[in-house]
Protein backbone atom coordinates (compact mmCIF):
# COMPACT_ATOMS: atom_id res chain seq x y z
CA MET A 1 0.00 0.00 0.00
CA SER A 2 1.35 3.47 -0.92
CA ARG A 3 2.29 5.96 1.76
CA ALA A 4 -0.48 8.34 0.63
CA ASN A 5 -3.17 5.64 0.72
CA ARG A 6 -1.96 4.41 4.09
CA SER A 7 -2.12 7.98 5.49
CA CYS A 8 -5.60 8.52 4.12
CA MET A 9 -6.83 5.42 5.89
CA GLU A 10 -5.28 6.23 9.26
CA SER A 11 -7.63 6.06 12.20
CA LYS A 12 -7.83 8.41 15.16
CA ALA A 13 -5.93 5.84 17.24
CA GLU A 14 -3.11 5.64 14.69
CA ILE A 15 -2.72 9.41 14.47
CA ILE A 16 -2.72 9.71 18.26
CA GLN A 17 -0.14 6.94 18.51
CA ARG A 18 2.20 8.75 16.10
CA MET A 19 1.92 11.99 18.07
CA LYS A 20 2.45 10.10 21.33
CA ARG A 21 5.58 8.42 19.95
CA HIS A 22 7.05 11.79 19.00
CA ILE A 23 6.47 13.20 22.47
CA GLU A 24 7.80 10.17 24.31
CA TRP A 25 10.89 9.90 22.08
CA ILE A 26 11.73 13.57 22.55
CA CYS A 27 11.30 13.35 26.33
CA GLU A 28 13.49 10.24 26.52
CA HIS A 29 16.24 11.13 24.04
CA ILE A 30 16.37 14.94 24.14
CA GLY A 31 14.80 15.88 27.45
CA PRO A 32 14.38 19.45 28.74
CA ARG A 33 15.14 22.17 26.18
CA PRO A 34 16.14 25.45 27.84
CA PRO A 35 16.25 28.43 25.48
CA CYS A 36 19.53 28.62 23.49
CA SER A 37 20.63 25.17 24.69
CA GLN A 38 22.01 22.32 22.61
CA ALA A 39 18.89 20.33 23.47
CA GLU A 40 16.66 23.07 22.05
CA ARG A 41 18.63 23.01 18.80
CA LYS A 42 18.60 19.21 18.71
CA LEU A 43 14.81 19.25 18.77
CA GLY A 44 14.80 21.90 16.04
CA GLU A 45 16.90 19.57 13.90
CA TYR A 46 14.59 16.64 14.72
CA ILE A 47 11.57 18.66 13.56
CA LYS A 48 13.36 19.72 10.38
CA ALA A 49 14.38 16.14 9.58
CA HIS A 50 10.73 15.05 9.81
CA TRP A 51 9.47 17.97 7.77
CA ASP A 52 12.17 17.37 5.14
CA LYS A 53 10.37 14.14 4.23
CA ASN A 54 7.01 15.83 3.69
CA SER A 55 7.23 19.47 2.65
CA ASP A 56 8.15 21.39 -0.50
CA GLN A 57 10.87 23.26 1.36
CA THR A 58 12.25 23.39 4.88
CA PHE A 59 14.85 25.53 6.56
CA LEU A 60 16.36 26.05 9.96
CA GLU A 61 16.98 29.73 10.65
CA GLY A 62 19.34 30.82 13.41
CA PHE A 63 18.99 33.94 15.51
CA THR A 64 20.51 35.43 18.63
CA CYS A 65 19.03 36.73 21.86
CA HIS A 66 19.91 37.20 25.53
CA PRO A 67 18.18 34.46 27.56
CA ASP A 68 19.71 35.43 30.91
CA ALA A 69 17.70 38.66 30.82
CA TYR A 70 14.51 36.69 31.52
CA PRO A 71 15.15 35.79 35.18
CA ALA A 72 16.45 39.33 35.72
CA THR A 73 13.09 40.63 34.52
CA PHE A 74 11.50 39.02 37.59
CA ARG A 75 14.29 39.60 40.11
CA TRP A 76 15.73 43.01 39.30
CA PRO A 77 12.48 44.92 40.08
CA ILE A 78 12.42 43.32 43.53
CA ALA A 79 16.07 44.16 44.20
CA LEU A 80 15.57 47.70 42.90
CA PHE A 81 12.45 48.12 45.07
CA ILE A 82 14.34 47.18 48.22
CA LEU A 83 17.28 49.40 47.23
CA SER A 84 14.95 52.31 46.49
CA LEU A 85 13.24 51.83 49.84
CA CYS A 86 16.60 51.98 51.63
CA LEU A 87 17.65 55.11 49.73
CA TYR A 88 14.34 56.94 50.09
CA HIS A 89 15.36 59.19 53.03
CA LEU A 90 19.09 59.36 52.35
CA PHE A 91 19.19 60.00 48.60
CA PRO A 92 15.67 60.74 47.28
CA LEU A 93 16.78 61.33 43.69
CA LEU A 94 18.68 58.03 43.55
CA SER A 95 15.66 56.31 45.11
CA LEU A 96 13.49 57.80 42.37
CA LEU A 97 15.83 56.56 39.62
CA CYS A 98 15.86 53.02 41.07
CA SER A 99 12.05 52.99 41.25
CA LEU A 100 11.72 54.33 37.73
CA LEU A 101 14.04 51.66 36.30
CA SER A 102 12.16 48.98 38.22
CA VAL A 103 8.77 50.06 36.85
CA LEU A 104 10.15 50.31 33.31
CA ILE A 105 11.46 46.74 33.51
CA LEU A 106 8.11 45.49 34.78
CA ILE A 107 6.10 47.26 32.08
CA LEU A 108 8.42 46.90 29.11
CA ASN A 109 10.30 43.65 29.59
CA MET A 110 7.75 41.67 31.59
CA MET A 111 4.38 42.84 30.28
CA LEU A 112 5.14 44.04 26.74
CA ASN A 113 8.18 41.89 25.90
CA VAL A 114 10.28 44.89 24.93
CA GLU A 115 13.97 44.00 25.24
CA LEU A 116 14.92 46.87 27.54
CA ILE A 117 17.68 45.20 29.58
CA ASP A 118 18.54 42.28 27.31
CA ARG A 119 21.77 43.69 25.90
CA LEU A 120 23.23 43.79 29.41
CA PHE A 121 23.48 39.97 29.23
CA PRO A 122 25.48 37.59 27.01
CA GLU A 123 24.23 36.96 23.49
CA LYS A 124 23.44 33.33 22.66
CA LYS A 125 22.19 31.37 19.65
CA SER A 126 18.83 29.73 19.05
CA CYS A 127 16.86 28.62 15.99
CA ASN A 128 13.47 28.60 14.30
CA VAL A 129 12.33 25.83 11.92
CA PHE A 130 9.92 26.14 8.99
CA ALA A 131 8.26 23.91 6.40
CA GLY A 132 6.42 25.20 3.34
CA PHE A 133 3.59 23.48 1.45
CA ASN A 134 2.69 25.00 -1.91
CA PRO A 135 -0.90 24.88 -3.25
CA GLN A 136 -1.96 23.35 -6.53
CA ALA A 137 -2.51 26.75 -8.16
CA SER A 138 -1.00 30.18 -7.69
CA PRO A 139 -1.37 31.07 -3.99
CA ASP A 140 -3.50 34.00 -2.87
CA ARG A 141 -3.48 33.22 0.88
CA THR A 142 -0.91 32.19 3.46
CA VAL A 143 -1.68 30.29 6.64
CA ILE A 144 0.93 29.79 9.34
CA ILE A 145 0.39 27.08 11.95
CA SER A 146 3.02 27.42 14.63
CA CYS A 147 4.34 26.03 17.89
CA HIS A 148 7.51 26.41 19.97
CA HIS A 149 10.12 23.77 20.80
CA ASP A 150 11.89 25.17 23.88
CA SER A 151 10.87 24.36 27.45
CA HIS A 152 11.24 26.23 30.73
CA VAL A 153 12.33 25.75 34.32
CA ALA A 154 9.99 25.01 37.21
CA PHE A 155 8.21 27.97 38.85
CA PRO A 156 8.05 27.05 42.58
CA ILE A 157 5.54 29.74 43.60
CA LEU A 158 3.27 28.92 40.67
CA ASN A 159 3.53 25.19 41.37
CA ARG A 160 2.64 25.73 45.04
CA PHE A 161 -0.04 28.40 44.86
CA GLY A 162 -1.52 27.93 41.38
CA ALA A 163 -3.62 30.86 40.18
CA LYS A 164 -2.71 32.81 43.35
CA TYR A 165 0.75 33.17 41.83
CA SER A 166 -0.52 36.32 40.14
CA LEU A 167 -1.00 37.92 43.59
CA PHE A 168 2.74 37.73 44.22
CA MET A 169 3.53 39.44 40.93
CA ALA A 170 0.77 42.01 41.52
CA MET A 171 2.39 42.80 44.87
CA VAL A 172 5.73 43.42 43.12
CA VAL A 173 4.15 45.65 40.48
CA PHE A 174 1.98 47.77 42.79
CA SER A 175 4.69 48.12 45.44
CA ASN A 176 7.05 49.49 42.83
CA VAL A 177 4.43 51.85 41.41
CA PHE A 178 3.53 53.26 44.84
CA LEU A 179 7.18 53.72 45.80
CA LEU A 180 7.84 55.45 42.49
CA GLY A 181 5.00 57.86 43.23
CA LEU A 182 6.26 58.59 46.74
CA ALA A 183 9.82 59.15 45.53
CA LEU A 184 8.67 61.37 42.67
CA PHE A 185 6.62 63.65 44.93
CA ALA A 186 9.40 63.74 47.53
CA VAL A 187 11.88 64.98 44.90
CA LEU A 188 9.42 67.44 43.36
CA PHE A 189 8.47 68.95 46.72
CA SER A 190 12.13 69.26 47.69
CA LEU A 191 12.81 71.21 44.49
CA VAL A 192 9.74 73.35 43.91
CA GLY A 193 7.25 72.64 46.67
CA PRO A 194 6.25 75.20 49.31
CA GLU A 195 7.96 74.87 52.68
CA SER A 196 4.74 73.85 54.45
CA LEU A 197 4.09 70.97 52.02
CA LEU A 198 7.71 69.86 52.23
CA ARG A 199 7.41 69.61 56.01
CA GLY A 200 4.03 67.87 55.91
CA TYR A 201 4.70 65.33 53.15
CA PRO A 202 6.74 62.89 55.31
CA ARG A 203 3.75 62.48 57.63
CA ILE A 204 1.52 61.72 54.64
CA ALA A 205 4.03 59.29 53.11
CA PHE A 206 4.89 57.47 56.36
CA PRO A 207 1.97 54.98 56.49
CA VAL A 208 2.47 54.07 52.82
CA LEU A 209 6.21 53.55 53.39
CA LEU A 210 5.40 51.42 56.42
CA LEU A 211 3.06 49.26 54.36
CA LEU A 212 5.62 48.93 51.56
CA THR A 213 8.30 47.93 54.06
CA ALA A 214 5.99 45.21 55.37
CA THR A 215 6.00 43.59 51.92
CA VAL A 216 9.78 43.10 51.93
CA PRO A 217 9.72 39.54 53.37
CA LEU A 218 7.22 38.45 50.70
CA GLN A 219 9.25 40.21 48.03
CA LEU A 220 12.39 38.37 49.14
CA TYR A 221 10.45 35.08 49.05
CA THR A 222 9.30 35.93 45.52
CA PHE A 223 12.87 36.82 44.51
CA LEU A 224 14.09 33.40 45.62
CA LYS A 225 11.17 31.23 44.53
CA VAL A 226 9.67 32.79 41.42
CA LEU A 227 12.04 30.75 39.22
CA SER A 228 14.14 27.68 39.95
CA GLU A 229 17.15 26.07 38.29
CA THR A 230 15.18 22.87 37.63
CA PRO A 231 14.44 22.32 33.92
CA VAL A 232 11.14 20.69 32.96
CA LEU A 233 10.36 18.23 30.16
CA GLY A 234 7.60 20.42 28.77
CA ALA A 235 5.49 17.55 27.43
CA ASN A 236 2.41 19.78 27.33
CA ASP A 237 4.34 23.04 27.04
CA ASN A 238 4.96 22.62 24.22
CA LEU A 239 5.63 19.17 22.81
CA THR A 240 1.88 18.89 22.28
CA GLY A 241 2.06 21.76 19.78
CA VAL A 242 5.16 20.22 18.18
CA ALA A 243 3.47 16.81 17.86
CA VAL A 244 0.39 18.30 16.19
CA CYS A 245 2.57 20.22 13.72
CA LEU A 246 4.55 17.07 12.92
CA ALA A 247 1.28 15.22 12.26
CA LEU A 248 0.04 18.12 10.10
CA ALA A 249 3.13 17.76 7.90
CA ASP A 250 2.18 14.13 7.28
CA TYR A 251 -1.35 15.22 6.40
CA LEU A 252 -0.28 18.02 4.06
CA SER A 253 2.10 15.72 2.18
CA ILE A 254 -0.82 13.62 0.93
CA PRO A 255 -1.60 14.73 -2.67
CA GLU A 256 -5.39 14.73 -2.26
CA TYR A 257 -5.09 17.03 0.77
CA ARG A 258 -2.99 19.58 -1.09
CA LEU A 259 -4.81 22.93 -0.87
CA GLN A 260 -6.01 24.77 -3.96
CA ARG A 261 -4.93 28.39 -3.44
CA THR A 262 -3.49 28.54 0.08
CA ARG A 263 0.20 28.36 0.91
CA VAL A 264 0.83 26.73 4.29
CA TRP A 265 3.80 27.29 6.54
CA LEU A 266 4.43 25.16 9.59
CA ALA A 267 6.70 26.93 12.06
CA SER A 268 8.38 25.97 15.30
CA PHE A 269 9.97 28.82 17.24
CA GLY A 270 12.84 28.82 19.69
CA CYS A 271 13.02 30.91 22.86
CA GLU A 272 9.27 31.39 23.29
CA GLU A 273 9.56 30.84 27.02
CA ILE A 274 11.80 33.86 27.58
CA GLY A 275 9.61 36.38 25.81
CA ILE A 276 8.65 35.13 22.31
CA ARG A 277 12.14 35.92 20.99
CA GLY A 278 12.04 33.40 18.14
CA SER A 279 8.73 34.56 16.67
CA LYS A 280 9.79 38.20 17.03
CA ARG A 281 12.98 37.50 15.06
CA PHE A 282 11.01 35.62 12.39
CA ILE A 283 8.55 38.47 11.89
CA ALA A 284 11.33 41.06 11.75
CA ARG A 285 12.97 39.14 8.89
CA HIS A 286 9.88 38.06 6.95
CA LYS A 287 7.12 40.58 7.62
CA GLU A 288 6.76 41.60 3.96
CA LYS A 289 6.07 37.98 3.00
CA ILE A 290 3.58 37.27 5.78
CA HIS A 291 1.85 40.61 6.42
CA ASP A 292 -1.49 39.22 5.18
CA ALA A 293 -1.16 35.72 6.69
CA HIS A 294 -3.60 34.01 9.04
CA VAL A 295 -1.69 32.60 12.02
CA LEU A 296 -2.95 29.81 14.28
CA ASN A 297 -0.48 29.16 17.08
CA LEU A 298 -0.60 25.92 19.11
CA ASP A 299 0.55 26.07 22.72
CA MET A 300 -0.24 23.61 25.52
CA VAL A 301 -3.07 21.83 23.72
CA GLY A 302 -3.00 18.57 25.69
CA GLY A 303 -3.18 19.10 29.45
CA ARG A 304 -5.27 16.59 31.34
CA GLY A 305 -8.44 18.12 32.77
CA THR A 306 -8.41 21.08 30.35
CA LYS A 307 -10.55 22.37 27.49
CA LEU A 308 -9.52 24.03 24.24
CA GLN A 309 -9.72 27.80 24.02
CA ALA A 310 -9.13 30.36 21.27
CA VAL A 311 -7.22 33.20 22.88
CA THR A 312 -8.73 36.69 22.63
CA LYS A 313 -6.20 38.67 24.70
CA GLU A 314 -2.83 38.02 26.33
CA GLU A 315 -0.70 39.42 29.13
CA LYS A 316 -3.55 40.12 31.56
CA ASN A 317 -5.72 41.66 28.79
CA LEU A 318 -3.01 44.11 27.68
CA ILE A 319 -2.49 42.60 24.21
CA PRO A 320 -5.56 41.90 22.03
CA LEU A 321 -5.30 39.14 19.44
CA SER A 322 -7.28 38.91 16.21
CA LYS A 323 -11.06 38.91 16.67
CA LYS A 324 -11.34 37.67 13.09
CA MET A 325 -9.13 34.66 13.78
CA VAL A 326 -10.95 33.81 17.01
CA SER A 327 -14.26 33.94 15.14
CA LEU A 328 -12.91 31.74 12.33
CA VAL A 329 -11.53 29.16 14.76
CA GLN A 330 -14.81 28.99 16.67
CA GLU A 331 -16.82 28.71 13.45
CA VAL A 332 -14.68 25.81 12.24
CA ALA A 333 -14.84 24.18 15.67
CA ARG A 334 -18.66 24.37 15.73
CA ASP A 335 -18.93 22.95 12.23
CA ASN A 336 -16.77 19.98 13.25
CA HIS A 337 -18.30 19.47 16.72
CA ILE A 338 -15.06 20.33 18.55
CA PRO A 339 -15.62 22.15 21.87
CA VAL A 340 -13.63 25.40 21.79
CA LYS A 341 -14.41 28.41 23.96
CA ALA A 342 -12.90 31.90 23.61
CA GLY A 343 -11.23 33.99 26.27
CA PRO A 344 -8.10 35.78 27.52
CA ILE A 345 -5.01 34.33 29.19
CA ILE A 346 -2.74 35.86 31.81
CA ALA A 347 0.52 34.95 30.06
CA PHE A 348 1.81 35.25 26.48
CA THR A 349 2.21 33.02 23.41
CA ASP A 350 3.89 33.46 20.04
CA ALA A 351 0.58 34.75 18.64
CA MET A 352 1.25 37.97 20.55
CA ALA A 353 4.33 38.68 18.41
CA PHE A 354 2.22 38.50 15.24
CA ALA A 355 -0.73 40.46 16.62
CA ARG A 356 1.49 43.35 17.73
CA LYS A 357 2.64 43.71 14.11
CA GLY A 358 -0.92 43.83 12.77
CA ILE A 359 -0.97 40.22 11.51
CA GLU A 360 -4.17 38.20 12.03
CA ALA A 361 -3.29 35.71 14.77
CA THR A 362 -4.63 33.78 17.72
CA SER A 363 -3.50 30.84 19.81
CA LEU A 364 -5.23 27.57 20.50
CA ILE A 365 -4.55 26.56 24.09
CA ALA A 366 -6.12 24.19 26.62
CA LEU A 367 -6.85 25.46 30.14
CA ASP A 368 -8.80 24.30 33.16
CA GLU A 369 -11.76 26.13 34.70
CA LYS A 370 -9.41 28.44 36.64
CA GLY A 371 -7.61 29.49 33.46
CA ILE A 372 -4.41 27.57 34.21
CA VAL A 373 -2.86 24.10 33.79
CA ASN A 374 -1.79 22.35 36.99
CA THR A 375 1.41 21.05 35.38
CA TYR A 376 2.38 24.45 33.90
CA HIS A 377 6.13 25.05 34.35
CA SER A 378 6.29 22.05 36.64
CA VAL A 379 8.35 18.85 36.81
CA GLU A 380 4.97 17.11 36.47
CA ASP A 381 4.71 18.26 32.84
CA ILE A 382 5.37 14.75 31.55
CA PRO A 383 3.77 12.52 28.89
CA ASP A 384 1.73 10.60 31.48
CA ASN A 385 -0.21 13.79 32.29
CA LEU A 386 -1.44 14.43 28.76
CA ASP A 387 -4.90 14.02 27.25
CA TYR A 388 -4.22 12.71 23.76
CA ASP A 389 -7.84 13.13 22.71
CA LEU A 390 -7.25 16.89 23.01
CA LEU A 391 -4.22 16.59 20.73
CA PHE A 392 -6.36 14.81 18.17
CA ASP A 393 -9.07 17.49 18.44
CA SER A 394 -6.38 20.14 17.88
CA TYR A 395 -5.07 18.24 14.85
CA ARG A 396 -8.60 17.83 13.48
CA LEU A 397 -9.36 21.52 14.06
CA CYS A 398 -6.20 22.55 12.21
CA THR A 399 -6.96 20.39 9.17
CA ALA A 400 -10.55 21.69 9.06
CA PHE A 401 -9.31 25.26 9.49
CA LEU A 402 -6.98 24.88 6.50
CA LYS A 403 -9.81 23.54 4.34
CA HIS A 404 -12.08 26.38 5.46
CA ILE A 405 -9.54 29.09 4.65
CA ASP A 406 -8.75 27.52 1.29
CA SER A 407 -12.41 27.22 0.35
CA ALA A 408 -13.11 30.81 1.43
CA ALA A 409 -10.02 32.10 -0.38
CA SER A 410 -10.96 30.31 -3.59
CA SER A 411 -14.48 31.78 -3.47
CA GLY A 412 -13.23 35.26 -2.54
CA LYS A 413 -14.95 35.28 0.87
CA ILE A 414 -11.71 36.04 2.76
């Protein structure tokens, strides 16, 4: 029996088994894949080798970034807060500068993924991997289905407190903002304020300073426990996305599944876990080619006890994704009886990099009722804790989505 005919006749169980084999092999033979590590690159080469067999073209594209800036994004604001607090009475202007830098790091590096402090750390190499599938006729649409192949370290506070983890980070953010305000007014009043206000301001500021000082023990705990040195396997985050994209390459290589007018790119990005660095580098290099693409990003689509969701906003509602893409995904899901809800997430995915450049993008992710995954950034993120039916639903949704886009493109509806 030919490869094409065999693929056409594959059952759900056979497709799941192939995805499961990929995940288990990667966990056993490659293991954790920290950003810019040899293991991360090894998985990139594994993905490329598989896509080489199926696609019209593949390439592995290197890039550089500064991965050590990521832990500093969490820890420096805490250290700067404590330093600013100590300097508040002795050197108000220096206290103000420390607070200002701290708030800038929190807003730019942490929330908006701007690389404010990255160049202060060593530059290292990572890679993205791509596979292209040309349509039967001249293409008039491009669809990108993406994932990421790096994994992270364990987050002790998140693993212990779950969704309450956000309270620790909120404490860091608001403490820094309040201290910045106090330091700013203290400096302004010392320079231009009337003598009466200058004398009275310390009494006004004292209770707030006392409250901020009381947070120091929790801030120190957060400094020590927000990140660990323990790498995780990342079976769900994000070998599930990788496995679906590997299965999609098999599907797209079958002649009768070749699309009519839609070019398809499968992409796997490096360094997603430290601030979507791989997808940002890809867009910077290729924006002219992909400015009108539809992007469906797959991230954590197989956690046990979760349900699929099309992401509407990321980073605590700061970054909106494409309403059009969310609507398309939900329409396709309904037509194929696949349960998919829509909603925001508190973190970020590679879809955010596309959306911020005006490219139609959303992510497909699977979360529990609290909006998290209990194995997220945990040593428990292993193959035994996956729901492979969710992987199959994600695979089925992607194939249906491609057909939908191609049909709409051919009829001029999109």
